Amino acid sequence: MSAAASLPGVTDTRESGTRSRTRRAILAAAASVLARDRGATLADIAEAAEIGRSTLHRYFSDRQDLVNAAVVDSFRVVERSTAEAAIDQGPPLEAMRRLIAALVDAGDRLAFLFGDPRVLEEFTACFEPDLSVPTTVGLIERGQAEGVFDPGVSAEWIQQVLWALTYTGWEAAEKGLLPRHGVAAAVTRAFESGMVVSPARP
């Protein structure tokens, strides 16, 4: 322990930083591994996180505890991606393209969350959204009001279509049917072909 850390009220930031990085690595590995194999073991996740099984258990007592935390963390990652896409700014179509690129970048997390309906059914209650982050539904409703997105279906339905297309793009890349660098463009084309009233050219 450092001399500073031994003083009353002083935390060793290096240690806490290391613990935080390790925890993030475990959660990212859990989402990535479980997105591809729902039956993956804690040993599989520890290996993907490049840590020992005993280290993983110091952070999460059992598999259920880890899955719960991975769900919350994955929602947070998607939420941060949405916030960084600034979807409440600019024309709806441009905002949607930024959102799609952000969601594709978070593909492992979306695949983990939406690849198995039971994950959402059982664990969504673990997550409390940040109400300051603009929502996808809000963007879609804005686009519908401006005559950009199809007004004949609900914003919630369009959101489900968006998530399904993003998951399908991720899955196609996993199977080698689509290059990873081409997923965002493919999802954007598919979304605009079906959900945009008059598709605009990029």
N, C-alpha and C. Protein backbone atom coordinates (compact mmCIF):
# COMPACT_ATOMS: atom_id res chain seq x y z
N MET A 1 0.86 -1.20 0.00
CA MET A 1 0.00 0.00 0.00
C MET A 1 0.89 1.24 0.00
N SER A 2 0.50 2.27 -0.72
CA SER A 2 1.30 3.48 -0.78
C SER A 2 1.23 4.23 0.53
N ALA A 3 2.21 5.15 0.74
CA ALA A 3 2.21 5.94 1.97
C ALA A 3 0.96 6.81 2.05
N ALA A 4 0.55 7.36 0.91
CA ALA A 4 -0.65 8.20 0.89
C ALA A 4 -1.88 7.41 1.30
N ALA A 5 -1.94 6.16 0.83
CA ALA A 5 -3.12 5.34 1.12
C ALA A 5 -3.22 5.00 2.59
N SER A 6 -2.07 5.05 3.31
CA SER A 6 -2.10 4.70 4.73
C SER A 6 -2.63 5.83 5.60
N LEU A 7 -2.75 7.03 5.04
CA LEU A 7 -3.25 8.15 5.80
C LEU A 7 -4.76 8.05 5.97
N PRO A 8 -5.31 8.49 7.07
CA PRO A 8 -6.77 8.43 7.29
C PRO A 8 -7.52 9.20 6.20
N GLY A 9 -8.56 8.56 5.67
CA GLY A 9 -9.42 9.23 4.71
C GLY A 9 -8.86 9.29 3.30
N VAL A 10 -7.69 8.68 3.06
CA VAL A 10 -7.09 8.72 1.73
C VAL A 10 -7.23 7.35 1.08
N THR A 11 -7.74 7.32 -0.14
CA THR A 11 -7.92 6.07 -0.87
C THR A 11 -6.80 5.89 -1.87
N ASP A 12 -6.32 4.68 -2.02
CA ASP A 12 -5.33 4.39 -3.04
C ASP A 12 -6.03 4.35 -4.39
N THR A 13 -5.93 5.43 -5.15
CA THR A 13 -6.66 5.53 -6.42
C THR A 13 -6.15 4.53 -7.44
N ARG A 14 -4.87 4.13 -7.32
CA ARG A 14 -4.35 3.14 -8.26
C ARG A 14 -5.06 1.80 -8.07
N GLU A 15 -5.26 1.43 -6.78
CA GLU A 15 -5.94 0.17 -6.51
C GLU A 15 -7.39 0.23 -6.98
N SER A 16 -8.08 1.32 -6.61
CA SER A 16 -9.48 1.42 -6.99
C SER A 16 -9.62 1.49 -8.51
N GLY A 17 -8.66 2.14 -9.17
CA GLY A 17 -8.69 2.20 -10.63
C GLY A 17 -8.50 0.83 -11.24
N THR A 18 -7.61 0.03 -10.67
CA THR A 18 -7.38 -1.32 -11.16
C THR A 18 -8.62 -2.18 -10.97
N ARG A 19 -9.24 -2.06 -9.80
CA ARG A 19 -10.46 -2.83 -9.54
C ARG A 19 -11.56 -2.44 -10.51
N SER A 20 -11.68 -1.16 -10.78
CA SER A 20 -12.71 -0.69 -11.70
C SER A 20 -12.46 -1.23 -13.11
N ARG A 21 -11.21 -1.20 -13.54
CA ARG A 21 -10.88 -1.72 -14.88
C ARG A 21 -11.13 -3.22 -14.96
N THR A 22 -10.79 -3.93 -13.89
CA THR A 22 -11.00 -5.38 -13.89
C THR A 22 -12.49 -5.69 -13.93
N ARG A 23 -13.27 -4.96 -13.16
CA ARG A 23 -14.72 -5.18 -13.15
C ARG A 23 -15.31 -4.90 -14.54
N ARG A 24 -14.88 -3.81 -15.16
CA ARG A 24 -15.39 -3.50 -16.50
C ARG A 24 -15.00 -4.58 -17.49
N ALA A 25 -13.78 -5.09 -17.36
CA ALA A 25 -13.32 -6.14 -18.27
C ALA A 25 -14.15 -7.41 -18.10
N ILE A 26 -14.48 -7.74 -16.86
CA ILE A 26 -15.31 -8.92 -16.60
C ILE A 26 -16.70 -8.75 -17.21
N LEU A 27 -17.30 -7.59 -17.01
CA LEU A 27 -18.65 -7.34 -17.52
C LEU A 27 -18.67 -7.32 -19.04
N ALA A 28 -17.67 -6.72 -19.65
CA ALA A 28 -17.59 -6.71 -21.11
C ALA A 28 -17.41 -8.13 -21.65
N ALA A 29 -16.55 -8.90 -20.98
CA ALA A 29 -16.33 -10.27 -21.41
C ALA A 29 -17.60 -11.11 -21.24
N ALA A 30 -18.31 -10.89 -20.14
CA ALA A 30 -19.55 -11.64 -19.90
C ALA A 30 -20.56 -11.37 -21.00
N ALA A 31 -20.76 -10.11 -21.35
CA ALA A 31 -21.71 -9.77 -22.41
C ALA A 31 -21.28 -10.37 -23.74
N SER A 32 -20.00 -10.26 -24.05
CA SER A 32 -19.50 -10.77 -25.32
C SER A 32 -19.63 -12.29 -25.41
N VAL A 33 -19.21 -12.99 -24.35
CA VAL A 33 -19.24 -14.45 -24.35
C VAL A 33 -20.68 -14.97 -24.35
N LEU A 34 -21.53 -14.39 -23.49
CA LEU A 34 -22.91 -14.86 -23.39
C LEU A 34 -23.74 -14.49 -24.62
N ALA A 35 -23.36 -13.45 -25.32
CA ALA A 35 -24.05 -13.12 -26.57
C ALA A 35 -23.86 -14.21 -27.60
N ARG A 36 -22.71 -14.90 -27.52
CA ARG A 36 -22.39 -15.94 -28.49
C ARG A 36 -22.73 -17.34 -27.99
N ASP A 37 -22.77 -17.50 -26.67
CA ASP A 37 -23.05 -18.82 -26.10
C ASP A 37 -23.75 -18.64 -24.75
N ARG A 38 -25.07 -18.81 -24.75
CA ARG A 38 -25.84 -18.59 -23.52
C ARG A 38 -25.48 -19.59 -22.44
N GLY A 39 -24.87 -20.69 -22.81
CA GLY A 39 -24.51 -21.69 -21.82
C GLY A 39 -23.08 -21.56 -21.34
N ALA A 40 -22.40 -20.48 -21.68
CA ALA A 40 -21.01 -20.30 -21.28
C ALA A 40 -20.86 -20.33 -19.77
N THR A 41 -19.75 -20.84 -19.31
CA THR A 41 -19.49 -20.98 -17.88
C THR A 41 -18.71 -19.78 -17.35
N LEU A 42 -18.62 -19.69 -16.05
CA LEU A 42 -17.81 -18.65 -15.44
C LEU A 42 -16.35 -18.79 -15.86
N ALA A 43 -15.90 -20.02 -16.03
CA ALA A 43 -14.53 -20.25 -16.48
C ALA A 43 -14.33 -19.67 -17.89
N ASP A 44 -15.33 -19.82 -18.76
CA ASP A 44 -15.24 -19.26 -20.11
C ASP A 44 -15.13 -17.74 -20.04
N ILE A 45 -15.93 -17.15 -19.18
CA ILE A 45 -15.93 -15.68 -19.05
C ILE A 45 -14.62 -15.20 -18.45
N ALA A 46 -14.13 -15.90 -17.44
CA ALA A 46 -12.85 -15.52 -16.84
C ALA A 46 -11.73 -15.58 -17.87
N GLU A 47 -11.75 -16.61 -18.69
CA GLU A 47 -10.72 -16.73 -19.73
C GLU A 47 -10.80 -15.58 -20.72
N ALA A 48 -12.02 -15.21 -21.13
CA ALA A 48 -12.19 -14.10 -22.07
C ALA A 48 -11.74 -12.78 -21.45
N ALA A 49 -11.93 -12.65 -20.14
CA ALA A 49 -11.51 -11.43 -19.44
C ALA A 49 -10.03 -11.45 -19.08
N GLU A 50 -9.39 -12.57 -19.36
CA GLU A 50 -7.96 -12.76 -19.10
C GLU A 50 -7.64 -12.63 -17.61
N ILE A 51 -8.49 -13.27 -16.82
CA ILE A 51 -8.26 -13.33 -15.37
C ILE A 51 -8.50 -14.76 -14.91
N GLY A 52 -8.16 -15.04 -13.68
CA GLY A 52 -8.41 -16.36 -13.11
C GLY A 52 -9.83 -16.47 -12.58
N ARG A 53 -10.28 -17.70 -12.43
CA ARG A 53 -11.63 -17.93 -11.90
C ARG A 53 -11.76 -17.36 -10.48
N SER A 54 -10.71 -17.49 -9.69
CA SER A 54 -10.77 -16.99 -8.31
C SER A 54 -10.90 -15.47 -8.30
N THR A 55 -10.25 -14.80 -9.25
CA THR A 55 -10.36 -13.34 -9.34
C THR A 55 -11.78 -12.95 -9.68
N LEU A 56 -12.40 -13.66 -10.62
CA LEU A 56 -13.78 -13.36 -10.99
C LEU A 56 -14.69 -13.48 -9.77
N HIS A 57 -14.47 -14.50 -8.97
CA HIS A 57 -15.33 -14.71 -7.80
C HIS A 57 -15.15 -13.63 -6.73
N ARG A 58 -14.03 -12.92 -6.77
CA ARG A 58 -13.86 -11.82 -5.83
C ARG A 58 -14.76 -10.64 -6.19
N TYR A 59 -15.19 -10.61 -7.43
CA TYR A 59 -16.06 -9.52 -7.90
C TYR A 59 -17.53 -9.94 -7.95
N PHE A 60 -17.78 -11.21 -8.28
CA PHE A 60 -19.15 -11.69 -8.42
C PHE A 60 -19.26 -13.05 -7.76
N SER A 61 -20.21 -13.17 -6.85
CA SER A 61 -20.31 -14.37 -6.03
C SER A 61 -20.72 -15.60 -6.82
N ASP A 62 -21.59 -15.41 -7.83
CA ASP A 62 -22.02 -16.55 -8.63
C ASP A 62 -22.43 -16.08 -10.02
N ARG A 63 -22.83 -17.01 -10.84
CA ARG A 63 -23.16 -16.70 -12.24
C ARG A 63 -24.34 -15.74 -12.32
N GLN A 64 -25.35 -15.94 -11.49
CA GLN A 64 -26.53 -15.08 -11.54
C GLN A 64 -26.16 -13.65 -11.19
N ASP A 65 -25.32 -13.49 -10.19
CA ASP A 65 -24.86 -12.17 -9.79
C ASP A 65 -24.15 -11.48 -10.96
N LEU A 66 -23.33 -12.23 -11.67
CA LEU A 66 -22.60 -11.68 -12.81
C LEU A 66 -23.55 -11.32 -13.95
N VAL A 67 -24.51 -12.19 -14.24
CA VAL A 67 -25.46 -11.91 -15.31
C VAL A 67 -26.26 -10.66 -15.00
N ASN A 68 -26.73 -10.53 -13.77
CA ASN A 68 -27.48 -9.34 -13.37
C ASN A 68 -26.66 -8.07 -13.60
N ALA A 69 -25.41 -8.12 -13.16
CA ALA A 69 -24.53 -6.95 -13.32
C ALA A 69 -24.23 -6.67 -14.79
N ALA A 70 -24.08 -7.73 -15.59
CA ALA A 70 -23.80 -7.56 -17.01
C ALA A 70 -24.99 -6.93 -17.74
N VAL A 71 -26.19 -7.28 -17.31
CA VAL A 71 -27.39 -6.67 -17.90
C VAL A 71 -27.41 -5.17 -17.64
N VAL A 72 -27.23 -4.81 -16.38
CA VAL A 72 -27.24 -3.39 -16.02
C VAL A 72 -26.12 -2.65 -16.75
N ASP A 73 -24.93 -3.24 -16.76
CA ASP A 73 -23.79 -2.59 -17.42
C ASP A 73 -24.04 -2.45 -18.92
N SER A 74 -24.63 -3.46 -19.53
CA SER A 74 -24.90 -3.40 -20.97
C SER A 74 -25.92 -2.33 -21.30
N PHE A 75 -26.95 -2.22 -20.47
CA PHE A 75 -27.90 -1.12 -20.66
C PHE A 75 -27.19 0.23 -20.54
N ARG A 76 -26.29 0.34 -19.59
CA ARG A 76 -25.55 1.59 -19.40
C ARG A 76 -24.68 1.89 -20.63
N VAL A 77 -24.03 0.88 -21.17
CA VAL A 77 -23.19 1.07 -22.36
C VAL A 77 -24.04 1.56 -23.53
N VAL A 78 -25.19 0.92 -23.74
CA VAL A 78 -26.09 1.34 -24.82
C VAL A 78 -26.60 2.76 -24.55
N GLU A 79 -26.90 3.04 -23.30
CA GLU A 79 -27.37 4.37 -22.93
C GLU A 79 -26.30 5.42 -23.21
N ARG A 80 -25.05 5.12 -22.86
CA ARG A 80 -23.96 6.07 -23.12
C ARG A 80 -23.76 6.26 -24.62
N SER A 81 -23.87 5.18 -25.38
CA SER A 81 -23.73 5.27 -26.83
C SER A 81 -24.82 6.16 -27.41
N THR A 82 -26.03 6.02 -26.89
CA THR A 82 -27.14 6.86 -27.34
C THR A 82 -26.88 8.32 -27.00
N ALA A 83 -26.39 8.57 -25.79
CA ALA A 83 -26.10 9.95 -25.37
C ALA A 83 -25.03 10.56 -26.26
N GLU A 84 -23.98 9.79 -26.56
CA GLU A 84 -22.87 10.30 -27.37
C GLU A 84 -23.30 10.56 -28.82
N ALA A 85 -24.35 9.89 -29.27
CA ALA A 85 -24.83 10.10 -30.63
C ALA A 85 -25.62 11.40 -30.77
N ALA A 86 -25.92 12.05 -29.64
CA ALA A 86 -26.62 13.35 -29.63
C ALA A 86 -27.86 13.30 -30.52
N ILE A 87 -28.74 12.34 -30.25
CA ILE A 87 -29.88 12.12 -31.14
C ILE A 87 -30.98 13.17 -31.00
N ASP A 88 -30.82 14.07 -30.06
CA ASP A 88 -31.78 15.16 -29.94
C ASP A 88 -31.34 16.39 -30.73
N GLN A 89 -30.24 16.24 -31.46
CA GLN A 89 -29.70 17.36 -32.23
C GLN A 89 -29.72 17.06 -33.73
N GLY A 90 -29.98 18.10 -34.53
CA GLY A 90 -29.93 17.97 -35.98
C GLY A 90 -31.16 17.28 -36.55
N PRO A 91 -31.22 17.16 -37.87
CA PRO A 91 -32.36 16.51 -38.53
C PRO A 91 -32.51 15.06 -38.06
N PRO A 92 -33.75 14.57 -37.96
CA PRO A 92 -33.98 13.21 -37.46
C PRO A 92 -33.23 12.14 -38.24
N LEU A 93 -33.17 12.27 -39.56
CA LEU A 93 -32.51 11.23 -40.35
C LEU A 93 -31.01 11.17 -40.05
N GLU A 94 -30.38 12.31 -39.91
CA GLU A 94 -28.96 12.33 -39.57
C GLU A 94 -28.74 11.79 -38.16
N ALA A 95 -29.65 12.16 -37.25
CA ALA A 95 -29.53 11.67 -35.88
C ALA A 95 -29.69 10.15 -35.84
N MET A 96 -30.61 9.62 -36.63
CA MET A 96 -30.81 8.17 -36.68
C MET A 96 -29.58 7.47 -37.23
N ARG A 97 -28.93 8.04 -38.21
CA ARG A 97 -27.72 7.44 -38.76
C ARG A 97 -26.61 7.40 -37.72
N ARG A 98 -26.51 8.47 -36.93
CA ARG A 98 -25.52 8.46 -35.84
C ARG A 98 -25.87 7.41 -34.81
N LEU A 99 -27.15 7.29 -34.52
CA LEU A 99 -27.59 6.30 -33.53
C LEU A 99 -27.28 4.88 -34.01
N ILE A 100 -27.58 4.61 -35.27
CA ILE A 100 -27.31 3.27 -35.80
C ILE A 100 -25.82 2.95 -35.71
N ALA A 101 -24.96 3.90 -36.07
CA ALA A 101 -23.52 3.67 -35.97
C ALA A 101 -23.12 3.38 -34.52
N ALA A 102 -23.72 4.11 -33.58
CA ALA A 102 -23.40 3.91 -32.17
C ALA A 102 -23.88 2.54 -31.68
N LEU A 103 -25.08 2.14 -32.10
CA LEU A 103 -25.61 0.85 -31.68
C LEU A 103 -24.80 -0.30 -32.26
N VAL A 104 -24.37 -0.15 -33.51
CA VAL A 104 -23.54 -1.19 -34.13
C VAL A 104 -22.23 -1.33 -33.36
N ASP A 105 -21.66 -0.21 -32.93
CA ASP A 105 -20.42 -0.27 -32.15
C ASP A 105 -20.64 -1.00 -30.82
N ALA A 106 -21.86 -0.94 -30.30
CA ALA A 106 -22.20 -1.64 -29.05
C ALA A 106 -22.86 -2.98 -29.35
N GLY A 107 -22.52 -3.57 -30.49
CA GLY A 107 -23.19 -4.78 -30.98
C GLY A 107 -23.20 -5.94 -30.00
N ASP A 108 -22.07 -6.20 -29.34
CA ASP A 108 -22.03 -7.31 -28.37
C ASP A 108 -23.03 -7.10 -27.26
N ARG A 109 -23.13 -5.86 -26.79
CA ARG A 109 -24.05 -5.58 -25.69
C ARG A 109 -25.51 -5.75 -26.13
N LEU A 110 -25.83 -5.28 -27.33
CA LEU A 110 -27.20 -5.45 -27.83
C LEU A 110 -27.52 -6.92 -28.06
N ALA A 111 -26.55 -7.65 -28.60
CA ALA A 111 -26.77 -9.07 -28.85
C ALA A 111 -27.00 -9.81 -27.54
N PHE A 112 -26.27 -9.44 -26.51
CA PHE A 112 -26.46 -10.05 -25.19
C PHE A 112 -27.84 -9.73 -24.64
N LEU A 113 -28.25 -8.46 -24.75
CA LEU A 113 -29.53 -8.03 -24.18
C LEU A 113 -30.73 -8.56 -24.95
N PHE A 114 -30.64 -8.56 -26.29
CA PHE A 114 -31.82 -8.85 -27.10
C PHE A 114 -31.77 -10.21 -27.80
N GLY A 115 -30.65 -10.91 -27.67
CA GLY A 115 -30.55 -12.21 -28.32
C GLY A 115 -31.37 -13.29 -27.63
N ASP A 116 -31.70 -13.06 -26.37
CA ASP A 116 -32.50 -14.01 -25.59
C ASP A 116 -33.58 -13.23 -24.86
N PRO A 117 -34.85 -13.40 -25.25
CA PRO A 117 -35.94 -12.63 -24.63
C PRO A 117 -36.00 -12.77 -23.12
N ARG A 118 -35.50 -13.88 -22.59
CA ARG A 118 -35.57 -14.10 -21.15
C ARG A 118 -34.71 -13.09 -20.39
N VAL A 119 -33.64 -12.62 -21.03
CA VAL A 119 -32.78 -11.65 -20.37
C VAL A 119 -33.58 -10.39 -20.06
N LEU A 120 -34.31 -9.90 -21.04
CA LEU A 120 -35.11 -8.69 -20.83
C LEU A 120 -36.26 -8.95 -19.86
N GLU A 121 -36.90 -10.10 -20.00
CA GLU A 121 -38.05 -10.41 -19.15
C GLU A 121 -37.65 -10.53 -17.68
N GLU A 122 -36.50 -11.12 -17.43
CA GLU A 122 -36.11 -11.43 -16.06
C GLU A 122 -35.31 -10.32 -15.38
N PHE A 123 -34.57 -9.53 -16.19
CA PHE A 123 -33.60 -8.65 -15.56
C PHE A 123 -33.76 -7.17 -15.86
N THR A 124 -34.73 -6.80 -16.70
CA THR A 124 -34.90 -5.38 -17.02
C THR A 124 -35.15 -4.55 -15.77
N ALA A 125 -35.81 -5.12 -14.78
CA ALA A 125 -36.12 -4.39 -13.55
C ALA A 125 -34.86 -3.99 -12.79
N CYS A 126 -33.72 -4.59 -13.12
CA CYS A 126 -32.46 -4.26 -12.44
C CYS A 126 -31.94 -2.89 -12.88
N PHE A 127 -32.44 -2.38 -14.00
CA PHE A 127 -31.88 -1.18 -14.60
C PHE A 127 -32.81 0.02 -14.44
N GLU A 128 -32.25 1.11 -13.97
CA GLU A 128 -33.00 2.36 -13.89
C GLU A 128 -32.38 3.34 -14.89
N PRO A 129 -33.13 3.70 -15.94
CA PRO A 129 -32.56 4.55 -16.99
C PRO A 129 -32.26 5.96 -16.51
N ASP A 130 -31.29 6.57 -17.16
CA ASP A 130 -30.95 7.97 -16.92
C ASP A 130 -31.94 8.81 -17.72
N LEU A 131 -32.83 9.48 -17.04
CA LEU A 131 -33.90 10.21 -17.71
C LEU A 131 -33.40 11.44 -18.45
N SER A 132 -32.13 11.81 -18.25
CA SER A 132 -31.58 12.96 -18.96
C SER A 132 -31.11 12.60 -20.36
N VAL A 133 -31.01 11.30 -20.65
CA VAL A 133 -30.53 10.85 -21.97
C VAL A 133 -31.71 10.78 -22.93
N PRO A 134 -31.62 11.44 -24.09
CA PRO A 134 -32.70 11.38 -25.08
C PRO A 134 -32.95 9.93 -25.49
N THR A 135 -34.20 9.60 -25.71
CA THR A 135 -34.54 8.21 -26.03
C THR A 135 -34.70 7.99 -27.52
N THR A 136 -34.54 6.74 -27.92
CA THR A 136 -34.76 6.37 -29.32
C THR A 136 -36.20 6.63 -29.72
N VAL A 137 -37.13 6.30 -28.84
CA VAL A 137 -38.54 6.55 -29.14
C VAL A 137 -38.79 8.04 -29.35
N GLY A 138 -38.14 8.87 -28.54
CA GLY A 138 -38.29 10.31 -28.71
C GLY A 138 -37.80 10.79 -30.06
N LEU A 139 -36.66 10.24 -30.50
CA LEU A 139 -36.14 10.58 -31.82
C LEU A 139 -37.11 10.15 -32.91
N ILE A 140 -37.63 8.94 -32.80
CA ILE A 140 -38.55 8.43 -33.81
C ILE A 140 -39.82 9.28 -33.86
N GLU A 141 -40.35 9.62 -32.70
CA GLU A 141 -41.55 10.46 -32.66
C GLU A 141 -41.29 11.83 -33.28
N ARG A 142 -40.12 12.36 -33.04
CA ARG A 142 -39.76 13.64 -33.66
C ARG A 142 -39.70 13.50 -35.17
N GLY A 143 -39.11 12.39 -35.63
CA GLY A 143 -39.04 12.14 -37.06
C GLY A 143 -40.41 11.93 -37.69
N GLN A 144 -41.29 11.27 -36.96
CA GLN A 144 -42.65 11.08 -37.46
C GLN A 144 -43.38 12.41 -37.57
N ALA A 145 -43.21 13.27 -36.56
CA ALA A 145 -43.86 14.57 -36.57
C ALA A 145 -43.37 15.44 -37.73
N GLU A 146 -42.11 15.22 -38.13
CA GLU A 146 -41.53 16.02 -39.22
C GLU A 146 -41.70 15.34 -40.59
N GLY A 147 -42.44 14.22 -40.60
CA GLY A 147 -42.71 13.55 -41.86
C GLY A 147 -41.56 12.75 -42.42
N VAL A 148 -40.63 12.36 -41.55
CA VAL A 148 -39.45 11.60 -42.00
C VAL A 148 -39.65 10.10 -41.83
N PHE A 149 -40.10 9.69 -40.64
CA PHE A 149 -40.31 8.27 -40.37
C PHE A 149 -41.79 7.92 -40.52
N ASP A 150 -42.04 6.69 -40.88
CA ASP A 150 -43.39 6.19 -41.17
C ASP A 150 -44.34 6.49 -40.00
N PRO A 151 -45.39 7.30 -40.24
CA PRO A 151 -46.33 7.61 -39.18
C PRO A 151 -47.41 6.55 -39.01
N GLY A 152 -47.41 5.55 -39.89
CA GLY A 152 -48.47 4.55 -39.86
C GLY A 152 -48.26 3.45 -38.85
N VAL A 153 -47.11 3.45 -38.19
CA VAL A 153 -46.83 2.46 -37.14
C VAL A 153 -46.34 3.20 -35.91
N SER A 154 -46.35 2.55 -34.76
CA SER A 154 -45.94 3.22 -33.53
C SER A 154 -44.43 3.40 -33.47
N ALA A 155 -44.03 4.40 -32.70
CA ALA A 155 -42.60 4.64 -32.51
C ALA A 155 -41.95 3.44 -31.82
N GLU A 156 -42.68 2.80 -30.92
CA GLU A 156 -42.15 1.63 -30.22
C GLU A 156 -41.89 0.48 -31.19
N TRP A 157 -42.77 0.34 -32.17
CA TRP A 157 -42.59 -0.73 -33.16
C TRP A 157 -41.37 -0.45 -34.03
N ILE A 158 -41.20 0.81 -34.42
CA ILE A 158 -40.02 1.18 -35.22
C ILE A 158 -38.75 0.94 -34.42
N GLN A 159 -38.80 1.22 -33.12
CA GLN A 159 -37.64 0.96 -32.27
C GLN A 159 -37.30 -0.52 -32.27
N GLN A 160 -38.31 -1.38 -32.18
CA GLN A 160 -38.07 -2.82 -32.20
C GLN A 160 -37.45 -3.25 -33.53
N VAL A 161 -37.92 -2.65 -34.62
CA VAL A 161 -37.35 -2.94 -35.94
C VAL A 161 -35.87 -2.55 -35.96
N LEU A 162 -35.57 -1.38 -35.42
CA LEU A 162 -34.18 -0.91 -35.38
C LEU A 162 -33.30 -1.88 -34.61
N TRP A 163 -33.76 -2.30 -33.43
CA TRP A 163 -32.98 -3.25 -32.64
C TRP A 163 -32.81 -4.58 -33.37
N ALA A 164 -33.88 -5.04 -34.02
CA ALA A 164 -33.81 -6.32 -34.74
C ALA A 164 -32.81 -6.24 -35.89
N LEU A 165 -32.83 -5.13 -36.62
CA LEU A 165 -31.90 -4.97 -37.73
C LEU A 165 -30.46 -4.91 -37.24
N THR A 166 -30.26 -4.21 -36.13
CA THR A 166 -28.90 -4.11 -35.57
C THR A 166 -28.41 -5.48 -35.13
N TYR A 167 -29.28 -6.23 -34.47
CA TYR A 167 -28.90 -7.58 -34.04
C TYR A 167 -28.62 -8.47 -35.25
N THR A 168 -29.45 -8.36 -36.28
CA THR A 168 -29.25 -9.17 -37.48
C THR A 168 -27.93 -8.83 -38.16
N GLY A 169 -27.58 -7.54 -38.18
CA GLY A 169 -26.30 -7.13 -38.75
C GLY A 169 -25.14 -7.70 -37.96
N TRP A 170 -25.24 -7.65 -36.62
CA TRP A 170 -24.20 -8.22 -35.76
C TRP A 170 -24.06 -9.72 -36.03
N GLU A 171 -25.19 -10.40 -36.12
CA GLU A 171 -25.18 -11.85 -36.34
C GLU A 171 -24.58 -12.20 -37.69
N ALA A 172 -24.90 -11.40 -38.73
CA ALA A 172 -24.36 -11.64 -40.06
C ALA A 172 -22.84 -11.49 -40.06
N ALA A 173 -22.35 -10.50 -39.33
CA ALA A 173 -20.90 -10.32 -39.23
C ALA A 173 -20.25 -11.49 -38.50
N GLU A 174 -20.91 -11.99 -37.46
CA GLU A 174 -20.40 -13.14 -36.70
C GLU A 174 -20.28 -14.37 -37.60
N LYS A 175 -21.22 -14.52 -38.53
CA LYS A 175 -21.23 -15.69 -39.41
C LYS A 175 -20.38 -15.48 -40.66
N GLY A 176 -19.78 -14.31 -40.78
CA GLY A 176 -18.95 -14.02 -41.95
C GLY A 176 -19.74 -13.67 -43.19
N LEU A 177 -21.03 -13.38 -43.03
CA LEU A 177 -21.87 -13.03 -44.17
C LEU A 177 -21.78 -11.55 -44.53
N LEU A 178 -21.20 -10.78 -43.63
CA LEU A 178 -21.10 -9.34 -43.82
C LEU A 178 -19.83 -8.86 -43.12
N PRO A 179 -19.02 -8.03 -43.79
CA PRO A 179 -17.84 -7.51 -43.10
C PRO A 179 -18.24 -6.59 -41.96
N ARG A 180 -17.50 -6.64 -40.87
CA ARG A 180 -17.88 -5.84 -39.71
C ARG A 180 -17.93 -4.35 -40.03
N HIS A 181 -17.02 -3.91 -40.89
CA HIS A 181 -17.01 -2.48 -41.20
C HIS A 181 -18.20 -2.08 -42.08
N GLY A 182 -18.93 -3.07 -42.59
CA GLY A 182 -20.08 -2.76 -43.44
C GLY A 182 -21.42 -2.89 -42.74
N VAL A 183 -21.41 -3.25 -41.45
CA VAL A 183 -22.67 -3.50 -40.74
C VAL A 183 -23.51 -2.24 -40.62
N ALA A 184 -22.90 -1.14 -40.19
CA ALA A 184 -23.67 0.09 -39.98
C ALA A 184 -24.33 0.55 -41.27
N ALA A 185 -23.61 0.49 -42.37
CA ALA A 185 -24.18 0.92 -43.65
C ALA A 185 -25.33 0.00 -44.07
N ALA A 186 -25.17 -1.30 -43.85
CA ALA A 186 -26.23 -2.25 -44.22
C ALA A 186 -27.48 -2.05 -43.37
N VAL A 187 -27.29 -1.85 -42.07
CA VAL A 187 -28.43 -1.62 -41.18
C VAL A 187 -29.13 -0.31 -41.55
N THR A 188 -28.34 0.70 -41.84
CA THR A 188 -28.92 2.00 -42.22
C THR A 188 -29.76 1.87 -43.49
N ARG A 189 -29.23 1.18 -44.49
CA ARG A 189 -29.98 1.01 -45.76
C ARG A 189 -31.28 0.26 -45.51
N ALA A 190 -31.21 -0.80 -44.74
CA ALA A 190 -32.41 -1.60 -44.47
C ALA A 190 -33.45 -0.78 -43.69
N PHE A 191 -32.98 -0.05 -42.71
CA PHE A 191 -33.90 0.76 -41.90
C PHE A 191 -34.56 1.83 -42.76
N GLU A 192 -33.77 2.54 -43.54
CA GLU A 192 -34.32 3.63 -44.34
C GLU A 192 -35.22 3.11 -45.45
N SER A 193 -34.96 1.92 -45.94
CA SER A 193 -35.82 1.35 -46.99
C SER A 193 -37.21 1.06 -46.46
N GLY A 194 -37.30 0.72 -45.17
CA GLY A 194 -38.60 0.32 -44.63
C GLY A 194 -39.29 1.36 -43.78
N MET A 195 -38.50 2.22 -43.09
CA MET A 195 -39.10 3.09 -42.09
C MET A 195 -39.10 4.57 -42.46
N VAL A 196 -38.36 4.94 -43.49
CA VAL A 196 -38.29 6.36 -43.88
C VAL A 196 -39.29 6.61 -44.99
N VAL A 197 -40.06 7.67 -44.84
CA VAL A 197 -41.13 7.97 -45.80
C VAL A 197 -40.56 8.19 -47.20
N SER A 198 -39.56 9.05 -47.31
CA SER A 198 -38.90 9.28 -48.58
C SER A 198 -37.39 9.18 -48.34
N PRO A 199 -36.83 7.98 -48.51
CA PRO A 199 -35.42 7.80 -48.19
C PRO A 199 -34.54 8.83 -48.88
N ALA A 200 -33.68 9.44 -48.07
CA ALA A 200 -32.75 10.43 -48.62
C ALA A 200 -31.41 9.75 -48.87
N ARG A 201 -30.72 10.22 -49.86
CA ARG A 201 -29.42 9.65 -50.16
C ARG A 201 -28.38 10.23 -49.21
N PRO A 202 -27.45 9.37 -48.73
CA PRO A 202 -26.39 9.88 -47.82
C PRO A 202 -25.60 10.98 -48.51
